[in-house]
């Protein structure tokens, strides 16, 4: 019985640590690239900073203006560009992760409304049970 109590205490501590980590997330320069009318996909960029002393895992991103929001990584392998979905975004302790053209970025599929430069949209970054809502401005197309 004592062992079960210890496991419950450890599980609670782990949940609290993961939940508290999302509060350490800061997002700067968040924007969505403009796209032609009717385009089924948009691309999102931002700088993610982790002010906490433990690595931060963003395990889901939602946005009411899109069917889905997925992190992707673009890379060149043997001279061929590849883009693959990522299961989560990892931000190192006291570190940062740049979501940018040619690297990690957000794929926003199935827009629910027309978005043009000057508009904005809210994306919700989820770290376990906690969430942070971030406004992304719509700007001209990515370079």
N, C-alpha and C. Protein backbone atom coordinates (compact mmCIF):
# COMPACT_ATOMS: atom_id res chain seq x y z
N UNK A 1 0.83 -1.19 0.00
CA UNK A 1 0.00 0.00 0.00
C UNK A 1 0.87 1.25 0.00
N UNK A 2 1.97 1.21 0.74
CA UNK A 2 2.86 2.36 0.80
C UNK A 2 3.44 2.66 -0.59
N UNK A 3 3.76 1.58 -1.33
CA UNK A 3 4.30 1.74 -2.67
C UNK A 3 3.30 2.43 -3.60
N UNK A 4 2.03 2.06 -3.48
CA UNK A 4 0.99 2.68 -4.31
C UNK A 4 0.89 4.17 -4.01
N UNK A 5 0.98 4.55 -2.74
CA UNK A 5 0.94 5.96 -2.36
C UNK A 5 2.12 6.72 -2.95
N UNK A 6 3.28 6.09 -2.95
CA UNK A 6 4.48 6.73 -3.53
C UNK A 6 4.29 6.94 -5.02
N UNK A 7 3.76 5.92 -5.73
CA UNK A 7 3.53 6.06 -7.16
C UNK A 7 2.52 7.16 -7.48
N UNK A 8 1.46 7.25 -6.68
CA UNK A 8 0.47 8.31 -6.89
C UNK A 8 1.09 9.68 -6.68
N UNK A 9 1.92 9.82 -5.66
CA UNK A 9 2.60 11.10 -5.40
C UNK A 9 3.53 11.46 -6.55
N UNK A 10 4.27 10.48 -7.04
CA UNK A 10 5.18 10.74 -8.17
C UNK A 10 4.41 11.12 -9.42
N UNK A 11 3.31 10.43 -9.69
CA UNK A 11 2.49 10.74 -10.87
C UNK A 11 1.93 12.15 -10.76
N UNK A 12 1.47 12.54 -9.59
CA UNK A 12 0.94 13.89 -9.41
C UNK A 12 2.03 14.92 -9.61
N UNK A 13 3.22 14.65 -9.10
CA UNK A 13 4.34 15.59 -9.27
C UNK A 13 4.70 15.74 -10.74
N UNK A 14 4.68 14.65 -11.48
CA UNK A 14 5.00 14.72 -12.91
C UNK A 14 3.96 15.54 -13.65
N UNK A 15 2.67 15.35 -13.33
CA UNK A 15 1.62 16.13 -13.99
C UNK A 15 1.79 17.61 -13.68
N UNK A 16 2.09 17.94 -12.45
CA UNK A 16 2.25 19.35 -12.07
C UNK A 16 3.43 19.96 -12.81
N UNK A 17 4.53 19.22 -12.91
CA UNK A 17 5.71 19.74 -13.60
C UNK A 17 5.42 20.00 -15.06
N UNK A 18 4.72 19.07 -15.70
CA UNK A 18 4.41 19.25 -17.12
C UNK A 18 3.44 20.40 -17.31
N UNK A 19 2.46 20.53 -16.45
CA UNK A 19 1.47 21.59 -16.58
C UNK A 19 2.11 22.95 -16.35
N UNK A 20 3.00 23.03 -15.38
CA UNK A 20 3.64 24.30 -15.07
C UNK A 20 4.54 24.75 -16.20
N UNK A 21 5.10 23.80 -16.95
CA UNK A 21 6.04 24.14 -18.01
C UNK A 21 5.40 25.01 -19.08
N UNK A 22 4.14 24.78 -19.42
CA UNK A 22 3.49 25.55 -20.48
C UNK A 22 3.39 27.02 -20.10
N UNK A 23 3.31 27.30 -18.80
CA UNK A 23 3.27 28.68 -18.35
C UNK A 23 4.58 29.40 -18.67
N UNK A 24 5.66 28.65 -18.89
CA UNK A 24 6.96 29.24 -19.21
C UNK A 24 7.13 29.54 -20.69
N UNK A 25 6.15 29.18 -21.52
CA UNK A 25 6.23 29.39 -22.96
C UNK A 25 5.93 30.85 -23.31
N UNK A 26 6.80 31.45 -24.09
CA UNK A 26 6.60 32.79 -24.64
C UNK A 26 6.73 32.68 -26.15
N UNK A 27 5.81 33.31 -26.87
CA UNK A 27 5.82 33.25 -28.33
C UNK A 27 5.93 34.67 -28.87
N UNK A 28 6.90 34.88 -29.77
CA UNK A 28 7.17 36.20 -30.36
C UNK A 28 7.13 36.10 -31.88
N UNK A 29 6.89 37.24 -32.53
CA UNK A 29 6.93 37.32 -34.00
C UNK A 29 6.09 36.23 -34.65
N UNK A 30 4.88 36.03 -34.15
CA UNK A 30 3.97 34.99 -34.66
C UNK A 30 3.21 35.53 -35.87
N UNK A 31 3.32 34.82 -37.00
CA UNK A 31 2.62 35.25 -38.19
C UNK A 31 2.29 34.09 -39.11
N UNK A 32 1.27 34.31 -39.94
CA UNK A 32 0.83 33.35 -40.94
C UNK A 32 1.06 34.01 -42.30
N UNK A 33 1.63 33.24 -43.21
CA UNK A 33 1.90 33.76 -44.55
C UNK A 33 0.61 33.86 -45.36
N UNK A 34 0.47 34.96 -46.08
CA UNK A 34 -0.65 35.15 -46.98
C UNK A 34 -0.59 34.07 -48.06
N UNK A 35 -1.74 33.73 -48.62
CA UNK A 35 -1.82 32.72 -49.68
C UNK A 35 -2.90 33.15 -50.66
N UNK A 36 -2.89 32.61 -51.86
CA UNK A 36 -3.93 32.94 -52.83
C UNK A 36 -5.32 32.56 -52.31
N UNK A 37 -6.36 33.25 -52.76
CA UNK A 37 -7.72 32.90 -52.33
C UNK A 37 -8.01 31.43 -52.61
N UNK A 38 -8.63 30.77 -51.66
CA UNK A 38 -8.99 29.37 -51.81
C UNK A 38 -7.86 28.38 -51.55
N UNK A 39 -6.68 28.87 -51.20
CA UNK A 39 -5.56 27.95 -50.91
C UNK A 39 -5.94 27.05 -49.73
N UNK A 40 -5.71 25.74 -49.85
CA UNK A 40 -6.11 24.81 -48.79
C UNK A 40 -5.15 24.76 -47.59
N UNK A 41 -3.99 25.39 -47.74
CA UNK A 41 -2.97 25.33 -46.69
C UNK A 41 -2.34 26.70 -46.49
N UNK A 42 -2.06 27.02 -45.25
CA UNK A 42 -1.29 28.21 -44.88
C UNK A 42 -0.07 27.74 -44.10
N UNK A 43 0.91 28.63 -43.93
CA UNK A 43 2.12 28.32 -43.17
C UNK A 43 2.27 29.34 -42.06
N UNK A 44 2.63 28.85 -40.87
CA UNK A 44 2.80 29.73 -39.71
C UNK A 44 4.23 29.70 -39.20
N UNK A 45 4.69 30.87 -38.75
CA UNK A 45 6.04 31.02 -38.23
C UNK A 45 5.99 31.76 -36.89
N UNK A 46 6.99 31.56 -36.05
CA UNK A 46 7.07 32.24 -34.76
C UNK A 46 8.40 31.89 -34.11
N UNK A 47 8.70 32.58 -33.03
CA UNK A 47 9.84 32.24 -32.19
C UNK A 47 9.27 31.81 -30.85
N UNK A 48 9.59 30.58 -30.44
CA UNK A 48 9.12 30.04 -29.18
C UNK A 48 10.26 30.09 -28.17
N UNK A 49 9.99 30.63 -27.00
CA UNK A 49 11.00 30.71 -25.94
C UNK A 49 10.49 30.00 -24.70
N UNK A 50 11.38 29.26 -24.07
CA UNK A 50 11.08 28.54 -22.84
C UNK A 50 11.83 29.22 -21.70
N UNK A 51 11.10 29.89 -20.80
CA UNK A 51 11.72 30.56 -19.67
C UNK A 51 11.94 29.64 -18.49
N UNK A 52 11.58 28.37 -18.61
CA UNK A 52 11.70 27.44 -17.50
C UNK A 52 12.99 26.65 -17.53
N UNK A 53 13.24 25.97 -16.43
CA UNK A 53 14.47 25.20 -16.27
C UNK A 53 14.37 23.77 -16.76
N UNK A 54 13.25 23.39 -17.36
CA UNK A 54 13.08 22.04 -17.91
C UNK A 54 12.65 22.14 -19.37
N UNK A 55 13.02 21.15 -20.19
CA UNK A 55 12.57 21.17 -21.58
C UNK A 55 11.04 21.23 -21.65
N UNK A 56 10.54 21.84 -22.70
CA UNK A 56 9.10 22.03 -22.87
C UNK A 56 8.65 21.29 -24.12
N UNK A 57 7.61 20.50 -24.00
CA UNK A 57 7.03 19.77 -25.14
C UNK A 57 5.65 20.32 -25.44
N UNK A 58 5.48 20.84 -26.63
CA UNK A 58 4.17 21.29 -27.10
C UNK A 58 3.60 20.11 -27.89
N UNK A 59 2.59 19.46 -27.32
CA UNK A 59 2.12 18.23 -27.93
C UNK A 59 0.91 18.38 -28.83
N UNK A 60 0.33 19.58 -28.87
CA UNK A 60 -0.81 19.82 -29.77
C UNK A 60 -0.99 21.31 -29.98
N UNK A 61 -1.43 21.67 -31.18
CA UNK A 61 -1.74 23.06 -31.51
C UNK A 61 -3.09 23.05 -32.22
N UNK A 62 -3.99 23.91 -31.76
CA UNK A 62 -5.32 24.01 -32.35
C UNK A 62 -5.58 25.45 -32.79
N UNK A 63 -6.47 25.61 -33.74
CA UNK A 63 -6.91 26.93 -34.16
C UNK A 63 -8.33 26.83 -34.71
N UNK A 64 -9.22 27.68 -34.24
CA UNK A 64 -10.61 27.59 -34.68
C UNK A 64 -10.80 27.99 -36.14
N UNK A 65 -9.81 28.67 -36.72
CA UNK A 65 -9.92 29.08 -38.13
C UNK A 65 -9.42 28.01 -39.10
N UNK A 66 -8.99 26.84 -38.58
CA UNK A 66 -8.41 25.80 -39.45
C UNK A 66 -8.90 24.42 -39.03
N UNK A 67 -8.96 23.50 -39.99
CA UNK A 67 -9.28 22.11 -39.66
C UNK A 67 -8.20 21.50 -38.78
N UNK A 68 -6.94 21.79 -39.11
CA UNK A 68 -5.83 21.24 -38.32
C UNK A 68 -4.62 22.16 -38.37
N UNK A 69 -3.82 22.06 -37.33
CA UNK A 69 -2.54 22.77 -37.25
C UNK A 69 -1.50 21.73 -36.85
N UNK A 70 -0.48 21.54 -37.70
CA UNK A 70 0.53 20.52 -37.44
C UNK A 70 1.93 21.11 -37.58
N UNK A 71 2.81 20.79 -36.62
CA UNK A 71 4.21 21.17 -36.80
C UNK A 71 4.85 20.27 -37.85
N UNK A 72 5.67 20.86 -38.69
CA UNK A 72 6.40 20.12 -39.74
C UNK A 72 7.87 20.55 -39.72
N UNK A 73 8.70 19.68 -40.27
CA UNK A 73 10.13 20.00 -40.44
C UNK A 73 10.49 19.83 -41.90
N UNK A 74 11.10 20.87 -42.46
CA UNK A 74 11.60 20.83 -43.82
C UNK A 74 13.11 20.61 -43.74
N UNK A 75 13.62 19.72 -44.58
CA UNK A 75 15.06 19.47 -44.61
C UNK A 75 15.45 19.03 -46.02
N UNK A 76 16.73 19.09 -46.27
CA UNK A 76 17.29 18.63 -47.54
C UNK A 76 18.06 17.35 -47.26
N UNK A 77 17.66 16.25 -47.91
CA UNK A 77 18.33 14.97 -47.76
C UNK A 77 18.77 14.50 -49.14
N UNK A 78 20.08 14.33 -49.31
CA UNK A 78 20.64 13.93 -50.61
C UNK A 78 20.17 14.84 -51.73
N UNK A 79 20.11 16.14 -51.45
CA UNK A 79 19.73 17.12 -52.44
C UNK A 79 18.24 17.23 -52.72
N UNK A 80 17.43 16.50 -51.96
CA UNK A 80 15.99 16.50 -52.17
C UNK A 80 15.30 17.09 -50.94
N UNK A 81 14.42 18.07 -51.19
CA UNK A 81 13.68 18.68 -50.10
C UNK A 81 12.64 17.70 -49.58
N UNK A 82 12.61 17.55 -48.24
CA UNK A 82 11.61 16.69 -47.61
C UNK A 82 10.88 17.49 -46.54
N UNK A 83 9.60 17.20 -46.38
CA UNK A 83 8.83 17.82 -45.31
C UNK A 83 8.09 16.70 -44.59
N UNK A 84 8.27 16.68 -43.26
CA UNK A 84 7.67 15.62 -42.46
C UNK A 84 6.95 16.22 -41.26
N UNK A 85 5.80 15.65 -40.88
CA UNK A 85 5.13 16.11 -39.67
C UNK A 85 5.94 15.73 -38.43
N UNK A 86 5.86 16.56 -37.41
CA UNK A 86 6.51 16.30 -36.13
C UNK A 86 5.44 15.93 -35.10
N UNK A 87 5.70 14.96 -34.24
CA UNK A 87 4.71 14.60 -33.23
C UNK A 87 4.53 15.69 -32.16
N UNK A 88 5.55 16.50 -31.96
CA UNK A 88 5.50 17.59 -30.98
C UNK A 88 6.63 18.56 -31.27
N UNK A 89 6.53 19.74 -30.69
CA UNK A 89 7.62 20.71 -30.75
C UNK A 89 8.34 20.68 -29.41
N UNK A 90 9.66 20.64 -29.44
CA UNK A 90 10.46 20.61 -28.23
C UNK A 90 11.25 21.91 -28.14
N UNK A 91 11.12 22.59 -26.99
CA UNK A 91 11.87 23.82 -26.73
C UNK A 91 12.78 23.54 -25.55
N UNK A 92 14.10 23.68 -25.72
CA UNK A 92 15.02 23.36 -24.62
C UNK A 92 14.85 24.29 -23.42
N UNK A 93 15.26 23.82 -22.26
CA UNK A 93 15.22 24.63 -21.04
C UNK A 93 15.97 25.94 -21.28
N UNK A 94 15.38 27.04 -20.89
CA UNK A 94 15.96 28.37 -21.07
C UNK A 94 16.41 28.60 -22.52
N UNK A 95 15.71 27.95 -23.46
CA UNK A 95 16.12 28.03 -24.86
C UNK A 95 15.01 28.54 -25.75
N UNK A 96 15.25 28.43 -27.04
CA UNK A 96 14.28 28.90 -28.02
C UNK A 96 14.24 27.98 -29.22
N UNK A 97 13.13 28.05 -29.93
CA UNK A 97 12.94 27.31 -31.16
C UNK A 97 12.33 28.28 -32.16
N UNK A 98 13.01 28.47 -33.29
CA UNK A 98 12.51 29.35 -34.34
C UNK A 98 11.72 28.51 -35.34
N UNK A 99 10.46 28.87 -35.54
CA UNK A 99 9.65 28.28 -36.59
C UNK A 99 9.81 29.20 -37.79
N UNK A 100 10.49 28.71 -38.84
CA UNK A 100 10.88 29.59 -39.94
C UNK A 100 10.89 28.84 -41.26
N UNK A 101 10.88 29.59 -42.34
CA UNK A 101 10.94 29.01 -43.68
C UNK A 101 12.22 28.18 -43.81
N UNK A 102 12.09 26.99 -44.38
CA UNK A 102 13.25 26.13 -44.58
C UNK A 102 13.59 25.25 -43.39
N UNK A 103 12.80 25.30 -42.32
CA UNK A 103 13.05 24.49 -41.13
C UNK A 103 11.74 24.06 -40.51
N UNK A 104 11.68 24.10 -39.18
CA UNK A 104 10.44 23.78 -38.49
C UNK A 104 9.44 24.91 -38.73
N UNK A 105 8.17 24.56 -38.91
CA UNK A 105 7.12 25.54 -39.17
C UNK A 105 5.77 24.89 -38.87
N UNK A 106 4.71 25.65 -38.98
CA UNK A 106 3.36 25.13 -38.76
C UNK A 106 2.62 25.06 -40.09
N UNK A 107 1.98 23.93 -40.34
CA UNK A 107 1.11 23.77 -41.50
C UNK A 107 -0.32 23.91 -40.99
N UNK A 108 -1.04 24.90 -41.53
CA UNK A 108 -2.42 25.18 -41.13
C UNK A 108 -3.31 24.79 -42.31
N UNK A 109 -4.05 23.70 -42.16
CA UNK A 109 -4.83 23.17 -43.28
C UNK A 109 -6.32 23.41 -43.09
N UNK A 110 -7.00 23.51 -44.20
CA UNK A 110 -8.45 23.67 -44.20
C UNK A 110 -8.92 24.96 -43.56
N UNK A 111 -8.52 26.12 -44.11
CA UNK A 111 -8.98 27.38 -43.50
C UNK A 111 -10.50 27.50 -43.55
N UNK A 112 -11.08 28.01 -42.47
CA UNK A 112 -12.53 28.17 -42.37
C UNK A 112 -13.01 29.53 -42.86
N UNK A 113 -12.08 30.46 -43.06
CA UNK A 113 -12.45 31.79 -43.55
C UNK A 113 -11.29 32.35 -44.35
N UNK A 114 -11.60 33.33 -45.19
CA UNK A 114 -10.56 33.99 -45.96
C UNK A 114 -9.73 34.85 -45.01
N UNK A 115 -8.43 34.73 -45.09
CA UNK A 115 -7.52 35.54 -44.28
C UNK A 115 -6.66 36.36 -45.22
N UNK A 116 -6.51 37.64 -44.91
CA UNK A 116 -5.70 38.52 -45.75
C UNK A 116 -4.76 39.32 -44.86
N UNK A 117 -3.70 39.90 -45.44
CA UNK A 117 -2.78 40.70 -44.63
C UNK A 117 -3.55 41.74 -43.80
N UNK A 118 -3.17 41.84 -42.53
CA UNK A 118 -3.85 42.73 -41.60
C UNK A 118 -4.80 41.99 -40.67
N UNK A 119 -5.26 40.78 -41.08
CA UNK A 119 -6.09 39.94 -40.21
C UNK A 119 -5.20 39.24 -39.19
N UNK A 120 -5.83 38.61 -38.23
CA UNK A 120 -5.09 37.72 -37.35
C UNK A 120 -5.94 36.52 -37.00
N UNK A 121 -5.29 35.52 -36.44
CA UNK A 121 -5.95 34.29 -36.05
C UNK A 121 -5.32 33.79 -34.76
N UNK A 122 -6.09 33.13 -33.92
CA UNK A 122 -5.59 32.61 -32.65
C UNK A 122 -5.24 31.13 -32.78
N UNK A 123 -4.06 30.77 -32.29
CA UNK A 123 -3.66 29.37 -32.21
C UNK A 123 -3.44 29.04 -30.74
N UNK A 124 -3.82 27.85 -30.35
CA UNK A 124 -3.71 27.41 -28.95
C UNK A 124 -2.63 26.33 -28.87
N UNK A 125 -1.55 26.65 -28.15
CA UNK A 125 -0.45 25.72 -27.94
C UNK A 125 -0.74 24.94 -26.66
N UNK A 126 -0.73 23.60 -26.75
CA UNK A 126 -1.07 22.76 -25.60
C UNK A 126 0.17 21.98 -25.14
N UNK A 127 0.43 22.10 -23.85
CA UNK A 127 1.52 21.37 -23.19
C UNK A 127 0.87 20.53 -22.11
N UNK A 128 0.54 19.30 -22.43
CA UNK A 128 -0.19 18.48 -21.46
C UNK A 128 -1.55 19.10 -21.21
N UNK A 129 -1.86 19.35 -19.92
CA UNK A 129 -3.17 19.87 -19.54
C UNK A 129 -3.28 21.38 -19.67
N UNK A 130 -2.17 22.08 -19.84
CA UNK A 130 -2.22 23.54 -19.93
C UNK A 130 -2.18 24.01 -21.37
N UNK A 131 -2.63 25.25 -21.58
CA UNK A 131 -2.66 25.81 -22.93
C UNK A 131 -2.30 27.29 -22.89
N UNK A 132 -1.71 27.75 -23.98
CA UNK A 132 -1.38 29.16 -24.16
C UNK A 132 -1.95 29.58 -25.51
N UNK A 133 -2.77 30.64 -25.53
CA UNK A 133 -3.34 31.15 -26.78
C UNK A 133 -2.46 32.27 -27.31
N UNK A 134 -2.16 32.20 -28.60
CA UNK A 134 -1.26 33.16 -29.24
C UNK A 134 -1.95 33.73 -30.49
N UNK A 135 -1.90 35.04 -30.67
CA UNK A 135 -2.44 35.68 -31.87
C UNK A 135 -1.35 35.68 -32.95
N UNK A 136 -1.70 35.20 -34.13
CA UNK A 136 -0.81 35.19 -35.29
C UNK A 136 -1.33 36.20 -36.29
N UNK A 137 -0.51 37.16 -36.68
CA UNK A 137 -0.87 38.16 -37.69
C UNK A 137 -0.70 37.55 -39.08
N UNK A 138 -1.56 37.93 -40.00
CA UNK A 138 -1.42 37.49 -41.39
C UNK A 138 -0.58 38.56 -42.10
N UNK A 139 0.50 38.10 -42.75
CA UNK A 139 1.42 38.98 -43.47
C UNK A 139 1.58 38.50 -44.90
N UNK A 140 2.35 39.28 -45.67
CA UNK A 140 2.67 38.88 -47.05
C UNK A 140 3.33 37.51 -47.07
N UNK A 141 3.38 36.90 -48.24
CA UNK A 141 3.89 35.55 -48.39
C UNK A 141 5.32 35.41 -47.87
N UNK A 142 5.65 34.20 -47.44
CA UNK A 142 6.99 33.89 -46.92
C UNK A 142 8.02 33.98 -48.03
N UNK A 143 9.26 34.30 -47.67
CA UNK A 143 10.33 34.38 -48.69
C UNK A 143 10.63 33.03 -49.30
